[in-house]
Protein backbone atom coordinates (compact mmCIF):
# COMPACT_ATOMS: atom_id res chain seq x y z
CA UNK A 1 -14.36 122.62 -11.43
CA UNK A 2 -14.36 119.35 -9.53
CA UNK A 3 -14.55 115.94 -11.20
CA UNK A 4 -15.07 112.54 -9.62
CA UNK A 5 -12.82 109.87 -11.07
CA UNK A 6 -13.97 106.34 -10.32
CA UNK A 7 -12.35 102.92 -10.77
CA UNK A 8 -14.40 99.85 -11.61
CA UNK A 9 -14.06 98.31 -8.14
CA UNK A 10 -15.07 101.40 -6.21
CA UNK A 11 -11.92 103.43 -5.53
CA UNK A 12 -12.46 107.05 -6.42
CA UNK A 13 -10.99 110.50 -6.01
CA UNK A 14 -12.13 114.08 -6.54
CA UNK A 15 -9.92 116.31 -8.64
CA UNK A 16 -9.97 120.03 -9.25
CA UNK A 17 -9.28 120.78 -12.91
CA UNK A 18 -10.02 123.33 -15.59
CA UNK A 19 -12.10 122.54 -18.66
CA UNK A 20 -9.06 123.54 -20.71
CA UNK A 21 -6.96 120.70 -19.29
CA UNK A 22 -6.03 117.88 -21.63
CA UNK A 23 -7.10 114.30 -21.02
CA UNK A 24 -3.38 113.42 -20.75
CA UNK A 25 -3.06 115.91 -17.88
CA UNK A 26 -6.10 114.41 -16.17
CA UNK A 27 -4.48 110.97 -16.47
CA UNK A 28 -1.37 112.32 -14.72
CA UNK A 29 -3.50 113.67 -11.87
CA UNK A 30 -5.33 110.34 -11.58
CA UNK A 31 -1.97 108.58 -11.55
CA UNK A 32 -0.84 110.72 -8.61
CA UNK A 33 -4.06 110.25 -6.63
CA UNK A 34 -4.84 106.57 -7.31
CA UNK A 35 -1.33 105.24 -8.06
CA UNK A 36 -2.30 103.90 -11.48
CA UNK A 37 0.24 104.52 -14.26
CA UNK A 38 -1.19 106.88 -16.89
CA UNK A 39 -0.32 104.41 -19.67
CA UNK A 40 -2.64 101.82 -18.07
CA UNK A 41 -5.63 104.16 -17.87
CA UNK A 42 -8.58 104.37 -20.23
CA UNK A 43 -10.85 107.26 -19.23
CA UNK A 44 -14.55 107.13 -20.11
CA UNK A 45 -17.18 109.84 -19.93
CA UNK A 46 -20.77 108.85 -20.69
CA UNK A 47 -19.49 105.62 -22.24
CA UNK A 48 -17.11 107.42 -24.63
CA UNK A 49 -13.36 106.78 -24.57
CA UNK A 50 -11.42 110.02 -24.04
CA UNK A 51 -8.43 110.71 -26.32
CA UNK A 52 -5.23 111.97 -24.66
CA UNK A 53 -4.77 114.85 -27.11
CA UNK A 54 -8.27 116.30 -26.53
CA UNK A 55 -9.33 118.76 -23.85
CA UNK A 56 -12.03 118.09 -21.29
CA UNK A 57 -14.12 120.87 -22.83
CA UNK A 58 -14.05 119.00 -26.17
CA UNK A 59 -16.23 116.36 -24.50
CA UNK A 60 -18.49 118.92 -22.76
CA UNK A 61 -17.25 117.71 -19.39
CA UNK A 62 -18.52 120.16 -16.81
CA UNK A 63 -18.38 120.63 -13.04
CA UNK A 64 -19.22 117.62 -10.86
CA UNK A 65 -18.96 115.22 -13.81
CA UNK A 66 -18.01 111.61 -13.17
CA UNK A 67 -15.20 110.00 -15.17
CA UNK A 68 -14.74 106.22 -15.17
CA UNK A 69 -11.28 104.64 -15.30
CA UNK A 70 -10.71 101.25 -16.82
CA UNK A 71 -7.27 99.83 -16.24
CA UNK A 72 -5.44 98.15 -19.07
CA UNK A 73 -3.13 95.44 -17.72
CA UNK A 74 0.54 95.76 -18.50
CA UNK A 75 1.46 93.55 -21.42
CA UNK A 76 3.60 90.62 -20.41
CA UNK A 77 5.88 88.88 -22.83
CA UNK A 78 4.05 85.63 -23.54
CA UNK A 79 6.26 82.59 -23.91
CA UNK A 80 6.15 81.17 -27.41
CA UNK A 81 5.36 77.70 -26.07
CA UNK A 82 2.08 78.89 -24.54
CA UNK A 83 -0.82 76.86 -25.90
CA UNK A 84 -3.06 78.78 -28.28
CA UNK A 85 -6.68 78.43 -27.29
CA UNK A 86 -9.38 78.58 -29.91
CA UNK A 87 -11.94 81.38 -29.71
CA UNK A 88 -15.13 80.59 -27.81
CA UNK A 89 -17.34 80.84 -30.91
CA UNK A 90 -15.18 78.33 -32.79
CA UNK A 91 -15.32 75.88 -29.87
CA UNK A 92 -19.07 76.34 -29.55
CA UNK A 93 -19.44 75.72 -33.29
CA UNK A 94 -17.60 72.42 -32.91
CA UNK A 95 -19.89 71.34 -30.06
CA UNK A 96 -23.01 72.31 -32.02
CA UNK A 97 -21.73 70.38 -35.06
CA UNK A 98 -21.80 67.19 -32.95
CA UNK A 99 -25.49 67.66 -32.17
CA UNK A 100 -26.88 69.34 -35.30
CA UNK A 101 -26.48 69.14 -39.03
CA UNK A 102 -24.05 71.65 -40.63
CA UNK A 103 -26.71 74.21 -41.63
CA UNK A 104 -28.60 73.94 -38.33
CA UNK A 105 -25.39 74.24 -36.31
CA UNK A 106 -24.45 77.38 -38.25
CA UNK A 107 -27.94 78.87 -37.74
CA UNK A 108 -27.91 78.13 -33.99
CA UNK A 109 -24.43 79.60 -33.65
CA UNK A 110 -25.48 82.79 -35.47
CA UNK A 111 -28.54 83.12 -33.24
CA UNK A 112 -26.44 82.67 -30.08
CA UNK A 113 -23.90 85.26 -31.26
CA UNK A 114 -26.62 87.79 -32.09
CA UNK A 115 -28.33 87.32 -28.71
CA UNK A 116 -24.98 87.55 -26.91
CA UNK A 117 -24.10 90.83 -28.69
CA UNK A 118 -27.52 92.29 -27.86
CA UNK A 119 -27.08 91.42 -24.17
CA UNK A 120 -23.56 92.89 -24.08
CA UNK A 121 -24.82 96.15 -25.64
CA UNK A 122 -27.36 96.54 -22.81
CA UNK A 123 -24.82 96.17 -19.98
CA UNK A 124 -24.17 99.50 -18.26
CA UNK A 125 -20.94 100.50 -16.51
CA UNK A 126 -22.77 100.24 -13.19
CA UNK A 127 -23.88 96.73 -14.13
CA UNK A 128 -20.30 95.80 -14.99
CA UNK A 129 -19.15 97.25 -11.69
CA UNK A 130 -21.66 95.15 -9.74
CA UNK A 131 -20.67 92.05 -11.69
CA UNK A 132 -16.96 92.70 -11.09
CA UNK A 133 -17.62 93.19 -7.38
CA UNK A 134 -19.42 89.87 -7.19
CA UNK A 135 -16.76 87.98 -9.11
CA UNK A 136 -13.52 89.60 -7.97
CA UNK A 137 -13.91 91.26 -4.59
CA UNK A 138 -13.28 89.43 -1.34
CA UNK A 139 -15.56 91.77 0.60
CA UNK A 140 -18.82 93.51 -0.30
CA UNK A 141 -18.55 96.57 -2.52
CA UNK A 142 -20.18 99.92 -2.10
CA UNK A 143 -23.17 100.07 -4.46
CA UNK A 144 -23.21 102.91 -7.01
CA UNK A 145 -24.92 106.06 -5.78
CA UNK A 146 -27.26 106.25 -8.77
CA UNK A 147 -30.83 105.10 -8.29
CA UNK A 148 -31.39 101.60 -9.60
CA UNK A 149 -33.91 100.90 -12.27
CA UNK A 150 -37.07 99.21 -10.94
CA UNK A 151 -36.32 96.01 -12.88
CA UNK A 152 -32.86 95.68 -11.25
CA UNK A 153 -34.25 96.39 -7.77
CA UNK A 154 -37.02 93.79 -8.21
CA UNK A 155 -34.50 91.22 -9.44
CA UNK A 156 -32.20 91.80 -6.46
CA UNK A 157 -35.14 91.63 -4.04
CA UNK A 158 -36.18 88.28 -5.52
CA UNK A 159 -32.67 86.93 -5.06
CA UNK A 160 -32.45 88.09 -1.43
CA UNK A 161 -35.90 86.72 -0.56
CA UNK A 162 -35.08 83.32 -2.04
CA UNK A 163 -37.40 83.80 -5.00
CA UNK A 164 -34.70 82.68 -7.44
CA UNK A 165 -36.29 83.98 -10.60
CA UNK A 166 -33.97 84.89 -13.41
CA UNK A 167 -30.64 83.99 -11.78
CA UNK A 168 -27.75 86.31 -10.98
CA UNK A 169 -27.28 87.93 -14.38
CA UNK A 170 -30.61 89.77 -14.44
CA UNK A 171 -29.32 92.68 -12.40
CA UNK A 172 -26.51 93.29 -14.90
CA UNK A 173 -28.72 93.94 -17.93
CA UNK A 174 -29.98 97.49 -17.82
């Protein structure tokens, strides 16, 4: 069977494999085709992380399936003198404490965290890919081949026609 293996920023390859192959073997094939070390790869199928010791058939991966690759950066030895930054939520809590009473600041912070987590849960891999293309790429990316949801298409049309609307993040939430 043939699988399409796709990186976040658009590089992809087609591989011929058997359903009895292990995920570790698939990572080796991806490494050969896309020059990404197997130890830096995280393979995802339908949003689920694939374990190296499992077989493709364990995940019901069939012919013409699409596998996403997320690269894990190589760990660099961090110098001990590097300044430790405080987590975003702690910093935001400190800012809120300057403008609200202690209980109100805590309530606002909890509300912001809950809304943030809900938004993150709705982001699709295609939405992440579009966002990464906008933020990281020097040149335009190839859009995913899947049909866009009507809400995302309408949002992008508004942006291109100068309608403004909901800003740039609307196309990411799906």
